[in-house]
Amino acid sequence: MRMKTFRAATSTAAFAKVKAELGNDAVILSNKTITEDGCKGCEIVAAVDNQPVMSAPPNTKENVVDAALKESVGWQREWSQIKGQIMQLMKPQMDMDRLSPKQKIALEYLEREDVDEKVLTKIYCDLREDPKGSIMTTLDPMVKATPFTPRNWPNTFHAFAGPGGAGKTSTLVRLALKIKKESPRTRICLATADGGRGKGRLVLKHYAELSGLAFREIITRDDVALLQQEASQFDMILIDLPGLSGKTNLTEWTQLYGLQNLPELSIHLVLNPYYSTAQFERFVEKYKSEQLASVIWTKLDETCTFGLLLNMAFASGLPISALSYGTGLKNSIATAAEDSIWRLLFMRTLPNGDIQP
């Protein structure tokens, strides 16, 4: 067996070194926090068998299911392609004359807003069954809102995930300031998991000091464990997760840092509404997690179309919890409400009343 020690500023960076040198078959023997030259870091001891012995796994029900799922990966990719082809074939068959003039106008509007073809097909099929029905009867079940407030989200731990540049850090600060203004006695802790190297860390620390909020840094899973021990001191702990690079996905990252052990952790996916279709699908796959609880849309004042809000709701089934817009950190975020989402989609009206051109 080959064994080696890897050191880096964060668990993520150290784990990446392990995978790069020892491969996916490496076994993690230890994962601990170290201090070098006054800076905290992570040390991982990993090992890999030089000559792995390929033995047949026990013929249990669990192993049979695991093997079947692994073999189905190629089939799932093929089925995804088939579904795309089916949608392409169905779209020409969407006879718009079977809809009422009002339904037709609404469907054409949603198409201009870049609503995905799969969503449009679902809407068309529902409307075709009830030519006199309102399009809102079809859309209402798709989009739900659960406003980001302590009352609606009473659990302590909330993490904010999403691609770099989506506005996770500013969203976290905006929500913390809003909650503190509305409920001054709420005990809030801001935590950063960017490894102490990113600009977001300085922003969080700065506003935590100005607003009288607690501030913590997460560099390794030991820091997550310490934060869990302190949880009783706070009503809400808001954690800023870093953008995920390479092939790392959200589930792997949370397991690496031990976030899956946090009680009732809610992860809120922070996205912009102007990603391309390919980017959107990539992010949905990369940030897939059983702990995802809601979607927060940011930079609404910078977008031209809002169809992605409907696409995400259809693809994930997650409620929208907040809507962010503008450059300032105060009065630039609103807790989500279904009527404000529909005004945004159909009237291009931001939560503050401004109308997007």
Protein backbone atom coordinates (compact mmCIF):
# COMPACT_ATOMS: atom_id res chain seq x y z
CA MET A 1 0.00 0.00 0.00
CA ARG A 2 1.25 3.46 -0.95
CA MET A 3 0.66 6.17 1.68
CA LYS A 4 1.29 9.90 1.44
CA THR A 5 0.59 13.12 3.35
CA PHE A 6 -0.97 16.11 1.59
CA ARG A 7 -1.14 19.67 2.96
CA ALA A 8 -3.10 22.65 1.65
CA ALA A 9 -4.92 25.76 2.85
CA THR A 10 -8.32 24.04 2.78
CA SER A 11 -9.76 20.55 2.83
CA THR A 12 -10.98 21.04 -0.73
CA ALA A 13 -7.50 21.87 -2.01
CA ALA A 14 -5.91 18.99 -0.09
CA PHE A 15 -8.52 16.54 -1.32
CA ALA A 16 -7.92 17.70 -4.89
CA LYS A 17 -4.22 16.88 -4.48
CA VAL A 18 -5.16 13.41 -3.22
CA LYS A 19 -7.38 12.71 -6.22
CA ALA A 20 -4.81 14.10 -8.66
CA GLU A 21 -1.95 11.94 -7.37
CA LEU A 22 -3.58 8.82 -5.98
CA GLY A 23 -6.80 8.71 -7.98
CA ASN A 24 -10.39 8.02 -6.99
CA ASP A 25 -9.49 4.75 -5.22
CA ALA A 26 -7.51 6.54 -2.51
CA VAL A 27 -8.53 5.89 1.09
CA ILE A 28 -8.50 8.84 3.53
CA LEU A 29 -6.70 7.74 6.70
CA SER A 30 -6.82 11.06 8.54
CA ASN A 31 -8.06 14.61 7.99
CA LYS A 32 -6.99 17.25 10.52
CA THR A 33 -6.33 20.94 10.99
CA ILE A 34 -2.71 22.08 11.22
CA THR A 35 -0.98 25.42 11.80
CA GLU A 36 2.03 26.49 9.77
CA ASP A 37 3.64 29.94 10.08
CA GLY A 38 0.62 31.13 12.02
CA CYS A 39 -1.90 30.10 9.32
CA LYS A 40 -4.45 27.32 9.66
CA GLY A 41 -4.48 24.62 7.02
CA CYS A 42 -5.50 21.06 6.36
CA GLU A 43 -3.46 17.86 6.42
CA ILE A 44 -4.80 14.70 4.82
CA VAL A 45 -3.10 11.32 5.01
CA ALA A 46 -4.26 9.07 2.17
CA ALA A 47 -3.31 5.66 0.85
CA VAL A 48 -3.94 3.57 -2.23
CA ASP A 49 -3.30 -0.11 -2.93
CA ASN A 50 -0.60 -0.49 -5.56
CA GLN A 51 -2.11 -3.75 -6.79
CA PRO A 52 -5.79 -3.75 -5.95
CA VAL A 53 -7.34 -7.18 -5.74
CA MET A 54 -10.51 -7.40 -7.79
CA SER A 55 -12.84 -9.56 -5.80
CA ALA A 56 -16.51 -10.01 -6.47
CA PRO A 57 -18.69 -8.14 -3.99
CA PRO A 58 -21.12 -10.10 -1.84
CA ASN A 59 -24.31 -10.89 -3.69
CA THR A 60 -26.52 -8.71 -1.48
CA LYS A 61 -29.56 -6.72 -2.57
CA GLU A 62 -27.70 -3.46 -1.96
CA ASN A 63 -24.76 -4.49 -4.16
CA VAL A 64 -27.10 -5.65 -6.91
CA VAL A 65 -28.87 -2.28 -6.88
CA ASP A 66 -25.55 -0.37 -6.82
CA ALA A 67 -24.24 -2.36 -9.79
CA ALA A 68 -27.44 -1.79 -11.71
CA LEU A 69 -27.33 1.95 -11.10
CA LYS A 70 -23.71 2.17 -12.24
CA GLU A 71 -24.53 0.29 -15.42
CA SER A 72 -27.49 2.58 -16.07
CA VAL A 73 -25.39 5.75 -16.37
CA GLY A 74 -24.95 5.37 -20.11
CA TRP A 75 -28.62 4.49 -20.50
CA GLN A 76 -29.63 7.62 -18.55
CA ARG A 77 -27.53 9.77 -20.86
CA GLU A 78 -29.09 8.10 -23.88
CA TRP A 79 -32.60 8.54 -22.44
CA SER A 80 -31.89 12.24 -21.85
CA GLN A 81 -30.99 12.60 -25.51
CA ILE A 82 -34.12 10.71 -26.55
CA LYS A 83 -36.29 13.00 -24.43
CA GLY A 84 -34.71 16.01 -26.12
CA GLN A 85 -35.49 14.55 -29.53
CA ILE A 86 -39.08 13.82 -28.46
CA MET A 87 -39.49 17.43 -27.41
CA GLN A 88 -38.15 18.58 -30.77
CA LEU A 89 -40.70 16.36 -32.51
CA MET A 90 -43.56 17.48 -30.29
CA LYS A 91 -43.03 21.20 -30.69
CA PRO A 92 -44.12 21.35 -34.37
CA GLN A 93 -47.25 19.44 -33.30
CA MET A 94 -48.21 22.15 -30.83
CA ASP A 95 -51.24 23.47 -32.66
CA MET A 96 -51.62 26.94 -31.22
CA ASP A 97 -55.06 27.28 -32.86
CA ARG A 98 -56.38 24.81 -30.29
CA LEU A 99 -55.76 27.43 -27.61
CA SER A 100 -57.76 30.52 -26.82
CA PRO A 101 -56.30 33.82 -28.05
CA LYS A 102 -55.36 34.75 -24.48
CA GLN A 103 -53.64 31.41 -23.87
CA LYS A 104 -51.78 31.69 -27.15
CA ILE A 105 -50.49 35.17 -26.34
CA ALA A 106 -49.33 34.00 -22.91
CA LEU A 107 -47.50 30.96 -24.33
CA GLU A 108 -45.80 33.05 -27.01
CA TYR A 109 -44.74 35.56 -24.35
CA LEU A 110 -43.17 32.83 -22.21
CA GLU A 111 -41.28 31.56 -25.25
CA ARG A 112 -39.83 35.05 -25.80
CA GLU A 113 -38.79 35.05 -22.14
CA ASP A 114 -36.61 31.98 -22.87
CA VAL A 115 -38.79 29.47 -21.07
CA ASP A 116 -37.48 26.01 -21.90
CA GLU A 117 -39.21 23.89 -24.55
CA LYS A 118 -39.93 21.12 -22.06
CA VAL A 119 -41.77 23.60 -19.84
CA LEU A 120 -43.63 25.11 -22.79
CA THR A 121 -44.73 21.65 -23.91
CA LYS A 122 -46.06 20.86 -20.43
CA ILE A 123 -47.96 24.16 -20.34
CA TYR A 124 -49.37 23.62 -23.82
CA CYS A 125 -50.61 20.11 -22.99
CA ASP A 126 -52.36 21.39 -19.85
CA LEU A 127 -53.97 24.30 -21.69
CA ARG A 128 -55.12 22.08 -24.52
CA GLU A 129 -57.18 20.07 -22.04
CA ASP A 130 -58.99 23.23 -20.93
CA PRO A 131 -59.20 25.81 -23.74
CA LYS A 132 -61.10 28.24 -21.50
CA GLY A 133 -58.78 27.88 -18.54
CA SER A 134 -56.33 30.50 -17.29
CA ILE A 135 -52.63 29.94 -17.86
CA MET A 136 -52.12 30.69 -14.16
CA THR A 137 -53.99 27.50 -13.34
CA THR A 138 -51.12 25.64 -15.01
CA LEU A 139 -48.30 27.83 -13.71
CA ASP A 140 -49.33 28.14 -10.06
CA PRO A 141 -48.40 24.54 -9.14
CA MET A 142 -44.96 24.99 -10.77
CA VAL A 143 -43.71 28.01 -8.84
CA LYS A 144 -43.79 28.22 -5.06
CA ALA A 145 -42.40 30.80 -2.68
CA THR A 146 -41.13 30.27 0.86
CA PRO A 147 -39.92 33.68 2.08
CA PHE A 148 -36.51 33.65 3.77
CA THR A 149 -37.51 34.65 7.29
CA PRO A 150 -36.74 33.06 10.68
CA ARG A 151 -40.39 32.09 10.94
CA ASN A 152 -40.42 30.14 7.66
CA TRP A 153 -36.89 28.76 8.14
CA PRO A 154 -36.58 28.11 11.90
CA ASN A 155 -33.57 25.78 11.63
CA THR A 156 -30.22 27.19 12.71
CA PHE A 157 -27.89 26.30 9.83
CA HIS A 158 -28.25 27.87 6.36
CA ALA A 159 -25.62 27.52 3.66
CA PHE A 160 -25.52 29.51 0.42
CA ALA A 161 -24.18 27.66 -2.61
CA GLY A 162 -23.77 28.52 -6.26
CA PRO A 163 -21.30 29.32 -9.03
CA GLY A 164 -18.67 32.01 -8.63
CA GLY A 165 -19.97 35.49 -9.34
CA ALA A 166 -23.58 34.62 -8.55
CA GLY A 167 -23.60 36.96 -5.55
CA LYS A 168 -23.63 34.48 -2.66
CA THR A 169 -21.66 36.67 -0.26
CA SER A 170 -23.65 39.85 -0.91
CA THR A 171 -26.91 37.87 -0.68
CA LEU A 172 -25.89 36.46 2.70
CA VAL A 173 -25.00 39.93 4.00
CA ARG A 174 -28.21 41.45 2.62
CA LEU A 175 -30.37 38.82 4.28
CA ALA A 176 -28.51 39.13 7.59
CA LEU A 177 -28.92 42.92 7.63
CA LYS A 178 -32.59 42.65 6.68
CA ILE A 179 -33.35 40.10 9.40
CA LYS A 180 -31.37 42.09 11.99
CA LYS A 181 -33.27 45.27 11.09
CA GLU A 182 -36.66 43.57 11.35
CA SER A 183 -35.76 41.49 14.45
CA PRO A 184 -32.89 43.21 16.33
CA ARG A 185 -32.71 40.47 18.95
CA THR A 186 -32.02 37.73 16.42
CA ARG A 187 -28.58 36.22 17.13
CA ILE A 188 -26.87 35.80 13.76
CA CYS A 189 -23.47 34.33 12.93
CA LEU A 190 -21.83 34.80 9.53
CA ALA A 191 -19.42 32.04 8.49
CA THR A 192 -17.16 31.81 5.46
CA ALA A 193 -15.85 28.59 3.93
CA ASP A 194 -13.68 30.13 1.22
CA GLY A 195 -10.47 29.07 2.95
CA GLY A 196 -9.53 32.52 4.17
CA ARG A 197 -8.19 33.57 0.76
CA GLY A 198 -11.16 35.11 -1.04
CA LYS A 199 -12.55 38.63 -1.05
CA GLY A 200 -15.85 37.35 0.34
CA ARG A 201 -14.16 36.60 3.67
CA LEU A 202 -13.18 40.26 4.11
CA VAL A 203 -16.67 41.44 3.15
CA LEU A 204 -18.34 39.13 5.66
CA LYS A 205 -15.91 40.00 8.43
CA HIS A 206 -16.29 43.72 7.77
CA TYR A 207 -20.09 43.73 7.90
CA ALA A 208 -20.16 41.36 10.84
CA GLU A 209 -18.02 43.82 12.82
CA LEU A 210 -20.09 46.83 11.72
CA SER A 211 -23.42 45.17 12.51
CA GLY A 212 -22.49 43.44 15.74
CA LEU A 213 -22.77 39.96 14.24
CA ALA A 214 -20.58 36.99 15.07
CA PHE A 215 -18.06 35.83 12.48
CA ARG A 216 -16.44 32.41 11.99
CA GLU A 217 -14.10 30.85 9.43
CA ILE A 218 -14.39 27.30 8.10
CA ILE A 219 -11.15 25.88 6.75
CA THR A 220 -11.48 22.19 7.61
CA ARG A 221 -14.20 19.86 8.90
CA ASP A 222 -12.85 20.48 12.42
CA ASP A 223 -14.13 24.06 12.11
CA VAL A 224 -17.57 22.75 11.13
CA ALA A 225 -17.58 20.57 14.24
CA LEU A 226 -16.63 23.57 16.41
CA LEU A 227 -19.36 25.65 14.83
CA GLN A 228 -21.87 22.93 15.60
CA GLN A 229 -20.79 23.02 19.24
CA GLU A 230 -21.44 26.78 19.31
CA ALA A 231 -24.84 26.50 17.59
CA SER A 232 -26.83 27.05 20.78
CA GLN A 233 -25.43 30.60 20.98
CA PHE A 234 -27.14 31.64 17.73
CA ASP A 235 -30.60 31.71 16.17
CA MET A 236 -29.24 31.59 12.62
CA ILE A 237 -25.84 30.61 11.24
CA LEU A 238 -25.41 31.71 7.62
CA ILE A 239 -22.57 29.93 5.81
CA ASP A 240 -21.00 31.27 2.61
CA LEU A 241 -19.85 28.29 0.51
CA PRO A 242 -17.19 28.74 -2.19
CA GLY A 243 -17.86 28.28 -5.89
CA LEU A 244 -17.03 24.69 -6.85
CA SER A 245 -14.28 24.18 -9.40
CA GLY A 246 -13.39 21.23 -11.58
CA LYS A 247 -15.46 18.09 -11.25
CA THR A 248 -16.28 18.58 -7.57
CA ASN A 249 -20.02 18.64 -6.93
CA LEU A 250 -21.96 19.99 -3.98
CA THR A 251 -22.64 16.59 -2.42
CA GLU A 252 -18.93 15.69 -2.42
CA TRP A 253 -18.00 19.07 -0.94
CA THR A 254 -20.51 18.87 1.92
CA GLN A 255 -19.38 15.33 2.74
CA LEU A 256 -15.73 16.38 2.72
CA TYR A 257 -16.37 19.14 5.25
CA GLY A 258 -18.90 17.19 7.29
CA LEU A 259 -21.78 19.56 6.57
CA GLN A 260 -24.11 16.63 6.03
CA ASN A 261 -23.84 16.04 9.80
CA LEU A 262 -25.28 19.45 10.67
CA PRO A 263 -28.83 19.10 12.02
CA GLU A 264 -31.50 20.32 9.61
CA LEU A 265 -29.06 22.15 7.34
CA SER A 266 -30.80 24.10 4.57
CA ILE A 267 -28.74 24.86 1.46
CA HIS A 268 -30.00 27.74 -0.64
CA LEU A 269 -28.89 27.77 -4.28
CA VAL A 270 -27.93 31.26 -5.45
CA LEU A 271 -28.25 31.85 -9.20
CA ASN A 272 -28.46 34.62 -11.79
CA PRO A 273 -31.33 34.46 -14.31
CA TYR A 274 -29.20 35.06 -17.41
CA TYR A 275 -27.23 31.83 -17.76
CA SER A 276 -27.27 30.02 -21.08
CA THR A 277 -29.15 26.74 -21.35
CA ALA A 278 -25.89 24.75 -21.24
CA GLN A 279 -24.65 26.63 -18.15
CA PHE A 280 -27.98 26.23 -16.41
CA GLU A 281 -28.07 22.47 -16.98
CA ARG A 282 -24.46 22.15 -15.80
CA PHE A 283 -25.17 24.09 -12.59
CA VAL A 284 -28.31 22.07 -11.86
CA GLU A 285 -26.27 18.87 -12.11
CA LYS A 286 -23.24 20.20 -10.21
CA TYR A 287 -25.24 21.63 -7.31
CA LYS A 288 -27.67 18.76 -6.94
CA SER A 289 -28.09 17.79 -3.29
CA GLU A 290 -30.70 16.30 -0.98
CA GLN A 291 -30.05 19.25 1.35
CA LEU A 292 -31.08 21.88 -1.21
CA ALA A 293 -34.03 23.78 0.23
CA SER A 294 -34.66 26.84 -1.94
CA VAL A 295 -33.44 29.04 -4.78
CA ILE A 296 -32.40 32.68 -4.42
CA TRP A 297 -32.30 34.75 -7.63
CA THR A 298 -29.80 37.61 -7.78
CA LYS A 299 -28.87 40.45 -10.16
CA LEU A 300 -32.44 40.67 -11.42
CA ASP A 301 -31.82 44.26 -12.52
CA GLU A 302 -29.13 43.09 -14.96
CA THR A 303 -31.14 40.54 -16.93
CA CYS A 304 -33.16 40.76 -20.14
CA THR A 305 -35.44 37.74 -19.68
CA PHE A 306 -36.83 35.92 -16.67
CA GLY A 307 -37.79 32.53 -18.11
CA LEU A 308 -35.04 30.81 -16.15
CA LEU A 309 -37.05 31.29 -12.94
CA LEU A 310 -39.76 29.07 -14.38
CA ASN A 311 -37.25 26.61 -15.86
CA MET A 312 -35.55 26.11 -12.48
CA ALA A 313 -38.83 25.68 -10.64
CA PHE A 314 -39.90 23.07 -13.17
CA ALA A 315 -36.55 21.24 -13.11
CA SER A 316 -35.98 21.21 -9.34
CA GLY A 317 -39.33 21.64 -7.61
CA LEU A 318 -37.59 23.99 -5.15
CA PRO A 319 -39.35 27.09 -3.82
CA ILE A 320 -37.93 30.57 -4.32
CA SER A 321 -36.98 32.21 -1.01
CA ALA A 322 -35.55 35.61 -1.99
CA LEU A 323 -35.11 38.02 -4.90
CA SER A 324 -32.06 40.30 -5.06
CA TYR A 325 -31.42 43.35 -7.24
CA GLY A 326 -29.30 46.49 -7.33
CA THR A 327 -25.78 47.19 -6.11
CA GLY A 328 -26.33 48.35 -2.54
CA LEU A 329 -26.38 45.96 0.39
CA LYS A 330 -29.37 47.62 2.04
CA ASN A 331 -32.93 47.64 0.64
CA SER A 332 -31.85 45.55 -2.33
CA ILE A 333 -33.31 42.16 -1.45
CA ALA A 334 -36.89 41.02 -0.93
CA THR A 335 -38.22 37.83 0.54
CA ALA A 336 -40.03 35.95 -2.20
CA ALA A 337 -43.78 36.01 -2.69
CA GLU A 338 -45.61 34.31 -5.52
CA ASP A 339 -47.32 37.49 -6.71
CA SER A 340 -43.95 39.27 -6.94
CA ILE A 341 -42.56 36.37 -8.98
CA TRP A 342 -45.45 36.59 -11.45
CA ARG A 343 -45.08 40.38 -11.70
CA LEU A 344 -41.41 39.83 -12.45
CA LEU A 345 -42.10 37.20 -15.11
CA PHE A 346 -45.06 38.80 -16.87
CA MET A 347 -44.72 42.53 -16.11
CA ARG A 348 -40.91 42.70 -15.75
CA THR A 349 -41.43 44.54 -12.46
CA LEU A 350 -38.74 44.21 -9.77
CA PRO A 351 -39.78 43.85 -6.11
CA ASN A 352 -38.97 47.54 -5.52
CA GLY A 353 -41.41 48.58 -8.27
CA ASP A 354 -38.83 49.37 -10.97
CA ILE A 355 -39.68 48.07 -14.44
CA GLN A 356 -37.00 46.36 -16.50
CA PRO A 357 -36.84 47.63 -20.09
